[in-house]
Amino acid sequence: MTNRRTILTAAAAALAMPLAAHARSNRLAPGGVQPEHFVPGGMRGIQRGHFSYTPTDHVEEYGVIRIPDDRLFMIPITKNIFDESNGGKYAMTGDGVITVLKDDLYHMTANMDWPAQSRGSGQDGYDVDSRKLMILRARAGVKTPVYTQGEVTPIPDPSRFDRMAAHDTAGSSVPKSVRVSVTWEPGSIAAGGMTYTDVALPSGSFDPIVGDLVRVSHTSLTDEVLGEKKNAGVQISARIVAPGVARVMVENRYGAKSVAIPSGTMNVLAESAVASAGNNQDSWCYLNSGPVVLLAGEKVFVGVRSSSRGDFLQISNGSFLRIANVMA
């Protein structure tokens, strides 16, 4: 128990060392890169690699990678932003993944820059469906998806790979609802006339107020009961007129003669008006694996899935996979 506690304490200290050291360092990194993002050879035995992707298209000023459908895709890693180990611990080998070169305890972080909208309109606020970000590992000898230049790569059998970390981003907010069924006889309605009734809504997942939505149906509004022409001239609608109260209106709007509507079952469904979209504007999604033992010959890569048609990833150095050894 003592040895295990010592190892964990040492690991936590090792993770904190680079941050503290960088705060004290005034060294300039090559090419004008800020020292907190690059220190040649690493700091006190901790060496990090930061890898990114190549855009395959553009939306406005953004380089992007489009996601063709709702399958799980590997996003090929093609850019070495920096590698403090200089190829000593891990490396890009041209197959769109990172190959581990030295057994060690590693920590991985991935980030994806999801757009605010799925359609590329330049406007925030579009609803989006669920999105997934994953860090996957292929053990030594397990083949990774074949990377084609300029394309995302489908992952046909995700079960072959270990999930080092995964994050599901929920889709758009969905309306809450309450519903009730009542018996109502609208009776005889003259041509151009209307009748209405107020329906008290039951307690449920929310308390409907004015401005929320409501839908309604009535089982007597059929061709069999009214006849095709009379039924075609009848309109039924509803709206919230007070907290917890839906007003249902039946109009003989287009009929040339009166229509008699017999008693039947009326179903009323009230839904909350949802104004928010499930995208949090331009949303970054950070994903951390925690400490994990990686062995030489294993490969790590990033997978994404989106259920929003036309979705894409915004590609910059802010979209990345970072890997670092945990203990010196």
C-alpha atoms as a PDB file:
ATOM      1  CA  MET A   1       0.000   0.000   0.000  1.00  0.00           C
ATOM      2  CA  THR A   2       2.859   2.383   0.838  1.00  0.00           C
ATOM      3  CA  ASN A   3       4.594   1.771  -2.494  1.00  0.00           C
ATOM      4  CA  ARG A   4       1.345   2.303  -4.407  1.00  0.00           C
ATOM      5  CA  ARG A   5       0.673   5.564  -2.560  1.00  0.00           C
ATOM      6  CA  THR A   6       4.228   6.697  -3.258  1.00  0.00           C
ATOM      7  CA  ILE A   7       3.847   5.968  -6.982  1.00  0.00           C
ATOM      8  CA  LEU A   8       0.533   7.854  -7.198  1.00  0.00           C
ATOM      9  CA  THR A   9       1.976  10.809  -5.279  1.00  0.00           C
ATOM     10  CA  ALA A  10       4.997  10.857  -7.578  1.00  0.00           C
ATOM     11  CA  ALA A  11       2.727  10.737 -10.633  1.00  0.00           C
ATOM     12  CA  ALA A  12       0.693  13.699  -9.401  1.00  0.00           C
ATOM     13  CA  ALA A  13       3.862  15.658  -8.668  1.00  0.00           C
ATOM     14  CA  ALA A  14       5.258  14.827 -12.090  1.00  0.00           C
ATOM     15  CA  LEU A  15       2.130  16.141 -13.785  1.00  0.00           C
ATOM     16  CA  ALA A  16       2.372  19.402 -11.854  1.00  0.00           C
ATOM     17  CA  MET A  17       6.128  19.921 -12.428  1.00  0.00           C
ATOM     18  CA  PRO A  18       5.981  21.122 -16.058  1.00  0.00           C
ATOM     19  CA  LEU A  19       3.360  23.730 -15.221  1.00  0.00           C
ATOM     20  CA  ALA A  20       5.302  25.073 -12.279  1.00  0.00           C
ATOM     21  CA  ALA A  21       8.563  24.991 -14.216  1.00  0.00           C
ATOM     22  CA  HIS A  22       7.021  26.820 -17.161  1.00  0.00           C
ATOM     23  CA  ALA A  23       5.764  29.549 -14.867  1.00  0.00           C
ATOM     24  CA  ARG A  24       9.363  30.178 -13.802  1.00  0.00           C
ATOM     25  CA  SER A  25      10.910  29.791 -17.243  1.00  0.00           C
ATOM     26  CA  ASN A  26      11.763  32.741 -19.487  1.00  0.00           C
ATOM     27  CA  ARG A  27      13.229  30.618 -22.260  1.00  0.00           C
ATOM     28  CA  LEU A  28      12.002  31.244 -25.797  1.00  0.00           C
ATOM     29  CA  ALA A  29      10.967  28.266 -27.871  1.00  0.00           C
ATOM     30  CA  PRO A  30      11.984  27.829 -31.517  1.00  0.00           C
ATOM     31  CA  GLY A  31       9.926  29.633 -34.130  1.00  0.00           C
ATOM     32  CA  GLY A  32       8.345  32.008 -31.639  1.00  0.00           C
ATOM     33  CA  VAL A  33       6.203  29.272 -30.038  1.00  0.00           C
ATOM     34  CA  GLN A  34       5.269  30.133 -26.474  1.00  0.00           C
ATOM     35  CA  PRO A  35       7.319  28.297 -23.806  1.00  0.00           C
ATOM     36  CA  GLU A  36       4.240  26.810 -22.122  1.00  0.00           C
ATOM     37  CA  HIS A  37       3.560  24.956 -25.394  1.00  0.00           C
ATOM     38  CA  PHE A  38       7.055  23.790 -26.297  1.00  0.00           C
ATOM     39  CA  VAL A  39      10.233  23.074 -24.362  1.00  0.00           C
ATOM     40  CA  PRO A  40      12.923  21.184 -26.315  1.00  0.00           C
ATOM     41  CA  GLY A  41      13.578  17.872 -24.564  1.00  0.00           C
ATOM     42  CA  GLY A  42      10.710  18.420 -22.151  1.00  0.00           C
ATOM     43  CA  MET A  43      10.948  19.405 -18.493  1.00  0.00           C
ATOM     44  CA  ARG A  44      12.392  17.197 -15.766  1.00  0.00           C
ATOM     45  CA  GLY A  45      11.708  13.981 -17.665  1.00  0.00           C
ATOM     46  CA  ILE A  46       8.174  14.838 -18.780  1.00  0.00           C
ATOM     47  CA  GLN A  47       7.929  14.974 -22.556  1.00  0.00           C
ATOM     48  CA  ARG A  48       4.797  15.881 -24.493  1.00  0.00           C
ATOM     49  CA  GLY A  49       3.710  15.481 -28.085  1.00  0.00           C
ATOM     50  CA  HIS A  50       1.060  17.650 -29.703  1.00  0.00           C
ATOM     51  CA  PHE A  51      -0.425  16.444 -32.994  1.00  0.00           C
ATOM     52  CA  SER A  52      -3.170  17.824 -35.221  1.00  0.00           C
ATOM     53  CA  TYR A  53      -5.061  17.315 -38.488  1.00  0.00           C
ATOM     54  CA  THR A  54      -5.095  18.652 -42.024  1.00  0.00           C
ATOM     55  CA  PRO A  55      -8.316  20.339 -43.221  1.00  0.00           C
ATOM     56  CA  THR A  56      -9.918  18.859 -46.314  1.00  0.00           C
ATOM     57  CA  ASP A  57     -12.305  21.745 -47.052  1.00  0.00           C
ATOM     58  CA  HIS A  58     -13.189  25.277 -45.955  1.00  0.00           C
ATOM     59  CA  VAL A  59     -16.279  26.940 -44.491  1.00  0.00           C
ATOM     60  CA  GLU A  60     -15.884  30.717 -44.460  1.00  0.00           C
ATOM     61  CA  GLU A  61     -12.484  31.357 -42.876  1.00  0.00           C
ATOM     62  CA  TYR A  62     -12.244  27.965 -41.186  1.00  0.00           C
ATOM     63  CA  GLY A  63     -10.369  24.957 -42.448  1.00  0.00           C
ATOM     64  CA  VAL A  64     -12.683  22.016 -41.843  1.00  0.00           C
ATOM     65  CA  ILE A  65     -13.041  18.263 -42.104  1.00  0.00           C
ATOM     66  CA  ARG A  66     -16.543  17.239 -43.151  1.00  0.00           C
ATOM     67  CA  ILE A  67     -18.240  14.213 -41.613  1.00  0.00           C
ATOM     68  CA  PRO A  68     -20.121  12.423 -44.407  1.00  0.00           C
ATOM     69  CA  ASP A  69     -22.642  10.429 -42.332  1.00  0.00           C
ATOM     70  CA  ASP A  70     -23.359   9.057 -38.861  1.00  0.00           C
ATOM     71  CA  ARG A  71     -20.735   6.295 -38.862  1.00  0.00           C
ATOM     72  CA  LEU A  72     -17.728   6.378 -36.534  1.00  0.00           C
ATOM     73  CA  PHE A  73     -14.730   7.904 -38.325  1.00  0.00           C
ATOM     74  CA  MET A  74     -11.016   8.089 -37.604  1.00  0.00           C
ATOM     75  CA  ILE A  75      -9.723  11.639 -38.031  1.00  0.00           C
ATOM     76  CA  PRO A  76      -6.239  11.102 -39.491  1.00  0.00           C
ATOM     77  CA  ILE A  77      -3.407  12.698 -37.520  1.00  0.00           C
ATOM     78  CA  THR A  78      -1.165  14.408 -40.069  1.00  0.00           C
ATOM     79  CA  LYS A  79       0.554  17.372 -38.373  1.00  0.00           C
ATOM     80  CA  ASN A  80       3.325  17.319 -35.799  1.00  0.00           C
ATOM     81  CA  ILE A  81       2.872  20.587 -33.889  1.00  0.00           C
ATOM     82  CA  PHE A  82       5.631  19.654 -31.451  1.00  0.00           C
ATOM     83  CA  ASP A  83       7.263  16.559 -29.977  1.00  0.00           C
ATOM     84  CA  GLU A  84       9.387  17.144 -26.911  1.00  0.00           C
ATOM     85  CA  SER A  85      10.672  13.553 -27.077  1.00  0.00           C
ATOM     86  CA  ASN A  86      11.936  14.152 -30.634  1.00  0.00           C
ATOM     87  CA  GLY A  87      10.535  10.819 -31.769  1.00  0.00           C
ATOM     88  CA  GLY A  88      11.869   8.948 -28.752  1.00  0.00           C
ATOM     89  CA  LYS A  89       8.550   7.940 -27.168  1.00  0.00           C
ATOM     90  CA  TYR A  90       5.937   8.206 -29.948  1.00  0.00           C
ATOM     91  CA  ALA A  91       5.800   9.301 -33.545  1.00  0.00           C
ATOM     92  CA  MET A  92       3.642   9.901 -36.601  1.00  0.00           C
ATOM     93  CA  THR A  93       4.439   7.190 -39.135  1.00  0.00           C
ATOM     94  CA  GLY A  94       2.310   8.343 -42.054  1.00  0.00           C
ATOM     95  CA  ASP A  95      -0.728   6.145 -41.350  1.00  0.00           C
ATOM     96  CA  GLY A  96      -2.879   8.774 -39.639  1.00  0.00           C
ATOM     97  CA  VAL A  97      -2.215   7.489 -36.108  1.00  0.00           C
ATOM     98  CA  ILE A  98       0.402   7.903 -33.373  1.00  0.00           C
ATOM     99  CA  THR A  99       2.663   4.885 -32.851  1.00  0.00           C
ATOM    100  CA  VAL A 100       4.034   4.291 -29.350  1.00  0.00           C
ATOM    101  CA  LEU A 101       7.791   3.647 -29.443  1.00  0.00           C
ATOM    102  CA  LYS A 102       8.542   3.153 -25.751  1.00  0.00           C
ATOM    103  CA  ASP A 103       6.644   1.391 -22.961  1.00  0.00           C
ATOM    104  CA  ASP A 104       5.532   3.952 -20.412  1.00  0.00           C
ATOM    105  CA  LEU A 105       2.684   5.367 -18.351  1.00  0.00           C
ATOM    106  CA  TYR A 106       1.047   8.016 -20.531  1.00  0.00           C
ATOM    107  CA  HIS A 107      -1.702  10.577 -20.344  1.00  0.00           C
ATOM    108  CA  MET A 108      -3.648  11.595 -23.459  1.00  0.00           C
ATOM    109  CA  THR A 109      -5.805  14.616 -24.138  1.00  0.00           C
ATOM    110  CA  ALA A 110      -7.900  15.226 -27.238  1.00  0.00           C
ATOM    111  CA  ASN A 111      -9.859  18.289 -28.272  1.00  0.00           C
ATOM    112  CA  MET A 112     -12.248  18.911 -31.159  1.00  0.00           C
ATOM    113  CA  ASP A 113     -13.554  22.292 -32.244  1.00  0.00           C
ATOM    114  CA  TRP A 114     -17.174  21.587 -33.172  1.00  0.00           C
ATOM    115  CA  PRO A 115     -18.914  24.337 -35.142  1.00  0.00           C
ATOM    116  CA  ALA A 116     -21.879  26.227 -33.747  1.00  0.00           C
ATOM    117  CA  GLN A 117     -24.035  25.185 -36.681  1.00  0.00           C
ATOM    118  CA  SER A 118     -24.133  21.984 -38.656  1.00  0.00           C
ATOM    119  CA  ARG A 119     -25.061  23.544 -41.997  1.00  0.00           C
ATOM    120  CA  GLY A 120     -22.214  26.029 -42.462  1.00  0.00           C
ATOM    121  CA  SER A 121     -24.569  28.988 -42.670  1.00  0.00           C
ATOM    122  CA  GLY A 122     -22.459  31.302 -40.519  1.00  0.00           C
ATOM    123  CA  GLN A 123     -25.274  31.648 -37.999  1.00  0.00           C
ATOM    124  CA  ASP A 124     -25.215  30.364 -34.443  1.00  0.00           C
ATOM    125  CA  GLY A 125     -28.160  28.615 -32.894  1.00  0.00           C
ATOM    126  CA  TYR A 126     -28.960  25.698 -35.167  1.00  0.00           C
ATOM    127  CA  ASP A 127     -30.055  22.567 -33.393  1.00  0.00           C
ATOM    128  CA  VAL A 128     -27.590  19.704 -33.600  1.00  0.00           C
ATOM    129  CA  ASP A 129     -27.919  16.050 -32.744  1.00  0.00           C
ATOM    130  CA  SER A 130     -25.551  13.965 -30.615  1.00  0.00           C
ATOM    131  CA  ARG A 131     -21.792  14.016 -31.202  1.00  0.00           C
ATOM    132  CA  LYS A 132     -19.086  11.621 -29.969  1.00  0.00           C
ATOM    133  CA  LEU A 133     -15.345  12.109 -29.407  1.00  0.00           C
ATOM    134  CA  MET A 134     -13.105   9.139 -28.602  1.00  0.00           C
ATOM    135  CA  ILE A 135      -9.450   8.265 -27.988  1.00  0.00           C
ATOM    136  CA  LEU A 136      -8.850   4.729 -29.250  1.00  0.00           C
ATOM    137  CA  ARG A 137      -5.944   2.318 -28.922  1.00  0.00           C
ATOM    138  CA  ALA A 138      -4.945  -0.455 -31.297  1.00  0.00           C
ATOM    139  CA  ARG A 139      -2.876  -3.035 -29.493  1.00  0.00           C
ATOM    140  CA  ALA A 140       0.292  -4.277 -31.162  1.00  0.00           C
ATOM    141  CA  GLY A 141      -0.581  -6.347 -34.221  1.00  0.00           C
ATOM    142  CA  VAL A 142      -4.129  -4.965 -34.585  1.00  0.00           C
ATOM    143  CA  LYS A 143      -4.511  -3.138 -37.880  1.00  0.00           C
ATOM    144  CA  THR A 144      -5.799   0.411 -37.785  1.00  0.00           C
ATOM    145  CA  PRO A 145      -8.199   1.789 -40.423  1.00  0.00           C
ATOM    146  CA  VAL A 146      -6.419   2.500 -43.709  1.00  0.00           C
ATOM    147  CA  TYR A 147      -5.924   6.227 -44.097  1.00  0.00           C
ATOM    148  CA  THR A 148      -6.620   7.811 -47.490  1.00  0.00           C
ATOM    149  CA  GLN A 149      -5.130  11.259 -48.066  1.00  0.00           C
ATOM    150  CA  GLY A 150      -7.764  13.975 -47.909  1.00  0.00           C
ATOM    151  CA  GLU A 151     -10.502  11.768 -46.481  1.00  0.00           C
ATOM    152  CA  VAL A 152     -11.920  10.766 -43.132  1.00  0.00           C
ATOM    153  CA  THR A 153     -11.634   7.048 -42.528  1.00  0.00           C
ATOM    154  CA  PRO A 154     -14.585   4.857 -41.474  1.00  0.00           C
ATOM    155  CA  ILE A 155     -13.986   2.560 -38.505  1.00  0.00           C
ATOM    156  CA  PRO A 156     -15.948  -0.532 -39.554  1.00  0.00           C
ATOM    157  CA  ASP A 157     -15.410  -2.551 -36.364  1.00  0.00           C
ATOM    158  CA  PRO A 158     -14.805  -0.339 -33.299  1.00  0.00           C
ATOM    159  CA  SER A 159     -14.781  -3.404 -31.024  1.00  0.00           C
ATOM    160  CA  ARG A 160     -11.228  -4.198 -32.239  1.00  0.00           C
ATOM    161  CA  PHE A 161      -9.920  -1.115 -30.423  1.00  0.00           C
ATOM    162  CA  ASP A 162      -9.688  -0.160 -26.755  1.00  0.00           C
ATOM    163  CA  ARG A 163     -11.547   2.945 -25.685  1.00  0.00           C
ATOM    164  CA  MET A 164      -9.060   5.023 -23.740  1.00  0.00           C
ATOM    165  CA  ALA A 165     -11.658   7.763 -23.272  1.00  0.00           C
ATOM    166  CA  ALA A 166     -14.999   8.773 -24.772  1.00  0.00           C
ATOM    167  CA  HIS A 167     -17.317  11.735 -24.505  1.00  0.00           C
ATOM    168  CA  ASP A 168     -20.888  12.052 -25.772  1.00  0.00           C
ATOM    169  CA  THR A 169     -22.220  15.537 -26.396  1.00  0.00           C
ATOM    170  CA  ALA A 170     -25.967  15.635 -26.038  1.00  0.00           C
ATOM    171  CA  GLY A 171     -28.133  16.851 -28.884  1.00  0.00           C
ATOM    172  CA  SER A 172     -30.557  19.743 -28.818  1.00  0.00           C
ATOM    173  CA  SER A 173     -32.898  20.300 -25.919  1.00  0.00           C
ATOM    174  CA  VAL A 174     -36.130  18.403 -26.437  1.00  0.00           C
ATOM    175  CA  PRO A 175     -39.548  19.666 -25.344  1.00  0.00           C
ATOM    176  CA  LYS A 176     -41.117  18.362 -22.171  1.00  0.00           C
ATOM    177  CA  SER A 177     -44.721  17.291 -22.507  1.00  0.00           C
ATOM    178  CA  VAL A 178     -47.981  16.593 -20.707  1.00  0.00           C
ATOM    179  CA  ARG A 179     -51.007  14.959 -22.286  1.00  0.00           C
ATOM    180  CA  VAL A 180     -54.633  14.239 -21.502  1.00  0.00           C
ATOM    181  CA  SER A 181     -57.565  12.456 -23.172  1.00  0.00           C
ATOM    182  CA  VAL A 182     -61.118  13.739 -22.634  1.00  0.00           C
ATOM    183  CA  THR A 183     -64.541  13.064 -24.133  1.00  0.00           C
ATOM    184  CA  TRP A 184     -66.097  16.010 -25.962  1.00  0.00           C
ATOM    185  CA  GLU A 185     -69.078  16.507 -28.239  1.00  0.00           C
ATOM    186  CA  PRO A 186     -68.582  19.629 -30.389  1.00  0.00           C
ATOM    187  CA  GLY A 187     -72.196  19.345 -31.634  1.00  0.00           C
ATOM    188  CA  SER A 188     -73.694  21.202 -34.594  1.00  0.00           C
ATOM    189  CA  ILE A 189     -71.601  24.000 -36.110  1.00  0.00           C
ATOM    190  CA  ALA A 190     -73.030  26.337 -38.738  1.00  0.00           C
ATOM    191  CA  ALA A 191     -71.151  27.149 -41.911  1.00  0.00           C
ATOM    192  CA  GLY A 192     -68.423  29.611 -40.995  1.00  0.00           C
ATOM    193  CA  GLY A 193     -69.071  29.023 -37.290  1.00  0.00           C
ATOM    194  CA  MET A 194     -66.965  27.581 -34.487  1.00  0.00           C
ATOM    195  CA  THR A 195     -67.149  26.104 -31.023  1.00  0.00           C
ATOM    196  CA  TYR A 196     -64.545  25.658 -28.320  1.00  0.00           C
ATOM    197  CA  THR A 197     -63.824  24.071 -24.967  1.00  0.00           C
ATOM    198  CA  ASP A 198     -61.144  24.621 -22.324  1.00  0.00           C
ATOM    199  CA  VAL A 199     -59.167  21.609 -21.168  1.00  0.00           C
ATOM    200  CA  ALA A 200     -57.317  21.479 -17.847  1.00  0.00           C
ATOM    201  CA  LEU A 201     -53.892  19.938 -18.326  1.00  0.00           C
ATOM    202  CA  PRO A 202     -52.638  17.448 -15.723  1.00  0.00           C
ATOM    203  CA  SER A 203     -49.454  17.632 -13.706  1.00  0.00           C
ATOM    204  CA  GLY A 204     -46.481  16.184 -15.530  1.00  0.00           C
ATOM    205  CA  SER A 205     -42.902  16.902 -16.541  1.00  0.00           C
ATOM    206  CA  PHE A 206     -43.564  20.672 -16.679  1.00  0.00           C
ATOM    207  CA  ASP A 207     -46.266  23.274 -16.019  1.00  0.00           C
ATOM    208  CA  PRO A 208     -47.548  24.657 -19.348  1.00  0.00           C
ATOM    209  CA  ILE A 209     -47.830  28.425 -19.574  1.00  0.00           C
ATOM    210  CA  VAL A 210     -48.866  30.875 -22.279  1.00  0.00           C
ATOM    211  CA  GLY A 211     -46.354  30.625 -25.121  1.00  0.00           C
ATOM    212  CA  ASP A 212     -45.909  26.873 -24.856  1.00  0.00           C
ATOM    213  CA  LEU A 213     -47.167  24.621 -27.633  1.00  0.00           C
ATOM    214  CA  VAL A 214     -50.190  22.343 -27.844  1.00  0.00           C
ATOM    215  CA  ARG A 215     -51.513  19.835 -30.370  1.00  0.00           C
ATOM    216  CA  VAL A 216     -54.929  18.207 -30.511  1.00  0.00           C
ATOM    217  CA  SER A 217     -56.915  15.475 -32.288  1.00  0.00           C
ATOM    218  CA  HIS A 218     -60.530  14.248 -32.112  1.00  0.00           C
ATOM    219  CA  THR A 219     -61.674  10.761 -33.064  1.00  0.00           C
ATOM    220  CA  SER A 220     -64.956  11.966 -34.659  1.00  0.00           C
ATOM    221  CA  LEU A 221     -63.204  14.090 -37.279  1.00  0.00           C
ATOM    222  CA  THR A 222     -63.133  11.346 -39.914  1.00  0.00           C
ATOM    223  CA  ASP A 223     -64.530  10.915 -43.412  1.00  0.00           C
ATOM    224  CA  GLU A 224     -66.479   7.906 -42.182  1.00  0.00           C
ATOM    225  CA  VAL A 225     -68.296   9.908 -39.507  1.00  0.00           C
ATOM    226  CA  LEU A 226     -68.741  13.301 -41.209  1.00  0.00           C
ATOM    227  CA  GLY A 227     -68.359  12.545 -44.899  1.00  0.00           C
ATOM    228  CA  GLU A 228     -65.360  13.567 -46.968  1.00  0.00           C
ATOM    229  CA  LYS A 229     -66.522  17.056 -47.999  1.00  0.00           C
ATOM    230  CA  LYS A 230     -67.774  18.116 -44.569  1.00  0.00           C
ATOM    231  CA  ASN A 231     -64.696  16.722 -42.861  1.00  0.00           C
ATOM    232  CA  ALA A 232     -62.417  18.582 -45.297  1.00  0.00           C
ATOM    233  CA  GLY A 233     -64.053  21.866 -44.277  1.00  0.00           C
ATOM    234  CA  VAL A 234     -63.497  21.368 -40.543  1.00  0.00           C
ATOM    235  CA  GLN A 235     -60.396  22.664 -38.734  1.00  0.00           C
ATOM    236  CA  ILE A 236     -59.310  21.801 -35.195  1.00  0.00           C
ATOM    237  CA  SER A 237     -56.643  23.743 -33.313  1.00  0.00           C
ATOM    238  CA  ALA A 238     -55.497  24.534 -29.791  1.00  0.00           C
ATOM    239  CA  ARG A 239     -53.403  26.985 -27.817  1.00  0.00           C
ATOM    240  CA  ILE A 240     -52.460  27.663 -24.208  1.00  0.00           C
ATOM    241  CA  VAL A 241     -54.667  30.487 -22.903  1.00  0.00           C
ATOM    242  CA  ALA A 242     -53.718  30.389 -19.201  1.00  0.00           C
ATOM    243  CA  PRO A 243     -51.329  28.417 -17.002  1.00  0.00           C
ATOM    244  CA  GLY A 244     -52.327  24.773 -17.288  1.00  0.00           C
ATOM    245  CA  VAL A 245     -55.276  25.479 -19.611  1.00  0.00           C
ATOM    246  CA  ALA A 246     -55.515  24.554 -23.299  1.00  0.00           C
ATOM    247  CA  ARG A 247     -58.332  25.961 -25.411  1.00  0.00           C
ATOM    248  CA  VAL A 248     -59.467  23.679 -28.227  1.00  0.00           C
ATOM    249  CA  MET A 249     -61.366  25.221 -31.157  1.00  0.00           C
ATOM    250  CA  VAL A 250     -63.285  23.443 -33.883  1.00  0.00           C
ATOM    251  CA  GLU A 251     -64.245  25.571 -36.911  1.00  0.00           C
ATOM    252  CA  ASN A 252     -66.531  24.783 -39.806  1.00  0.00           C
ATOM    253  CA  ARG A 253     -64.308  27.109 -41.757  1.00  0.00           C
ATOM    254  CA  TYR A 254     -64.791  25.962 -45.333  1.00  0.00           C
ATOM    255  CA  GLY A 255     -68.090  24.101 -45.197  1.00  0.00           C
ATOM    256  CA  ALA A 256     -71.107  25.427 -47.118  1.00  0.00           C
ATOM    257  CA  LYS A 257     -73.549  23.718 -44.726  1.00  0.00           C
ATOM    258  CA  SER A 258     -73.688  23.058 -41.009  1.00  0.00           C
ATOM    259  CA  VAL A 259     -71.919  19.975 -39.672  1.00  0.00           C
ATOM    260  CA  ALA A 260     -72.839  17.870 -36.672  1.00  0.00           C
ATOM    261  CA  ILE A 261     -69.818  16.447 -34.847  1.00  0.00           C
ATOM    262  CA  PRO A 262     -70.686  13.668 -32.414  1.00  0.00           C
ATOM    263  CA  SER A 263     -69.006  12.846 -29.144  1.00  0.00           C
ATOM    264  CA  GLY A 264     -65.550  11.335 -29.350  1.00  0.00           C
ATOM    265  CA  THR A 265     -62.171  11.093 -27.647  1.00  0.00           C
ATOM    266  CA  MET A 266     -60.052  14.237 -27.814  1.00  0.00           C
ATOM    267  CA  ASN A 267     -56.305  13.904 -27.232  1.00  0.00           C
ATOM    268  CA  VAL A 268     -54.415  17.012 -26.134  1.00  0.00           C
ATOM    269  CA  LEU A 269     -50.603  17.141 -26.085  1.00  0.00           C
ATOM    270  CA  ALA A 270     -48.864  20.203 -24.592  1.00  0.00           C
ATOM    271  CA  GLU A 271     -45.126  20.736 -25.120  1.00  0.00           C
ATOM    272  CA  SER A 272     -42.657  23.218 -23.700  1.00  0.00           C
ATOM    273  CA  ALA A 273     -41.368  25.807 -26.137  1.00  0.00           C
ATOM    274  CA  VAL A 274     -37.620  25.168 -26.444  1.00  0.00           C
ATOM    275  CA  ALA A 275     -35.539  28.109 -27.606  1.00  0.00           C
ATOM    276  CA  SER A 276     -32.055  26.746 -26.927  1.00  0.00           C
ATOM    277  CA  ALA A 277     -29.963  24.697 -29.318  1.00  0.00           C
ATOM    278  CA  GLY A 278     -27.694  21.868 -28.284  1.00  0.00           C
ATOM    279  CA  ASN A 279     -24.445  23.328 -29.560  1.00  0.00           C
ATOM    280  CA  ASN A 280     -23.232  25.926 -27.038  1.00  0.00           C
ATOM    281  CA  GLN A 281     -22.141  28.103 -29.958  1.00  0.00           C
ATOM    282  CA  ASP A 282     -18.594  27.164 -31.043  1.00  0.00           C
ATOM    283  CA  SER A 283     -17.978  24.317 -28.620  1.00  0.00           C
ATOM    284  CA  TRP A 284     -14.621  22.843 -27.717  1.00  0.00           C
ATOM    285  CA  CYS A 285     -14.770  19.325 -26.324  1.00  0.00           C
ATOM    286  CA  TYR A 286     -11.783  18.310 -24.198  1.00  0.00           C
ATOM    287  CA  LEU A 287     -11.319  14.620 -23.466  1.00  0.00           C
ATOM    288  CA  ASN A 288      -8.770  13.150 -21.013  1.00  0.00           C
ATOM    289  CA  SER A 289      -7.734   9.521 -20.768  1.00  0.00           C
ATOM    290  CA  GLY A 290      -6.146   9.605 -17.335  1.00  0.00           C
ATOM    291  CA  PRO A 291      -2.899   7.643 -16.790  1.00  0.00           C
ATOM    292  CA  VAL A 292      -2.726   4.520 -18.962  1.00  0.00           C
ATOM    293  CA  VAL A 293       0.097   2.093 -19.747  1.00  0.00           C
ATOM    294  CA  LEU A 294       0.937   2.084 -23.447  1.00  0.00           C
ATOM    295  CA  LEU A 295       3.370  -0.450 -24.910  1.00  0.00           C
ATOM    296  CA  ALA A 296       5.750  -0.118 -27.827  1.00  0.00           C
ATOM    297  CA  GLY A 297       3.995  -0.966 -31.083  1.00  0.00           C
ATOM    298  CA  GLU A 298       0.559   0.138 -29.914  1.00  0.00           C
ATOM    299  CA  LYS A 299      -1.182   2.913 -31.805  1.00  0.00           C
ATOM    300  CA  VAL A 300      -3.528   5.648 -30.620  1.00  0.00           C
ATOM    301  CA  PHE A 301      -5.903   7.766 -32.679  1.00  0.00           C
ATOM    302  CA  VAL A 302      -9.033   9.903 -32.501  1.00  0.00           C
ATOM    303  CA  GLY A 303     -12.522   8.852 -33.563  1.00  0.00           C
ATOM    304  CA  VAL A 304     -15.625  11.000 -33.971  1.00  0.00           C
ATOM    305  CA  ARG A 305     -19.267  10.422 -34.780  1.00  0.00           C
ATOM    306  CA  SER A 306     -22.020  12.953 -35.483  1.00  0.00           C
ATOM    307  CA  SER A 307     -25.726  12.396 -35.975  1.00  0.00           C
ATOM    308  CA  SER A 308     -26.150  15.847 -37.544  1.00  0.00           C
ATOM    309  CA  ARG A 309     -26.258  15.737 -41.329  1.00  0.00           C
ATOM    310  CA  GLY A 310     -23.689  18.044 -42.912  1.00  0.00           C
ATOM    311  CA  ASP A 311     -21.669  18.383 -39.709  1.00  0.00           C
ATOM    312  CA  PHE A 312     -17.960  19.193 -39.775  1.00  0.00           C
ATOM    313  CA  LEU A 313     -14.932  19.793 -37.556  1.00  0.00           C
ATOM    314  CA  GLN A 314     -13.175  23.159 -37.450  1.00  0.00           C
ATOM    315  CA  ILE A 315      -9.483  22.407 -37.847  1.00  0.00           C
ATOM    316  CA  SER A 316      -6.733  24.479 -36.277  1.00  0.00           C
ATOM    317  CA  ASN A 317      -3.982  23.766 -33.777  1.00  0.00           C
ATOM    318  CA  GLY A 318      -6.809  23.863 -31.225  1.00  0.00           C
ATOM    319  CA  SER A 319      -8.033  20.515 -32.583  1.00  0.00           C
ATOM    320  CA  PHE A 320      -5.450  18.013 -31.435  1.00  0.00           C
ATOM    321  CA  LEU A 321      -4.313  14.854 -29.725  1.00  0.00           C
ATOM    322  CA  ARG A 322      -1.712  15.425 -26.993  1.00  0.00           C
ATOM    323  CA  ILE A 323       0.255  12.655 -25.305  1.00  0.00           C
ATOM    324  CA  ALA A 324       2.730  12.856 -22.409  1.00  0.00           C
ATOM    325  CA  ASN A 325       4.514  10.423 -20.148  1.00  0.00           C
ATOM    326  CA  VAL A 326       3.173  10.694 -16.589  1.00  0.00           C
ATOM    327  CA  MET A 327       6.334   9.824 -14.625  1.00  0.00           C
ATOM    328  CA  ALA A 328       9.921  10.727 -15.448  1.00  0.00           C
END
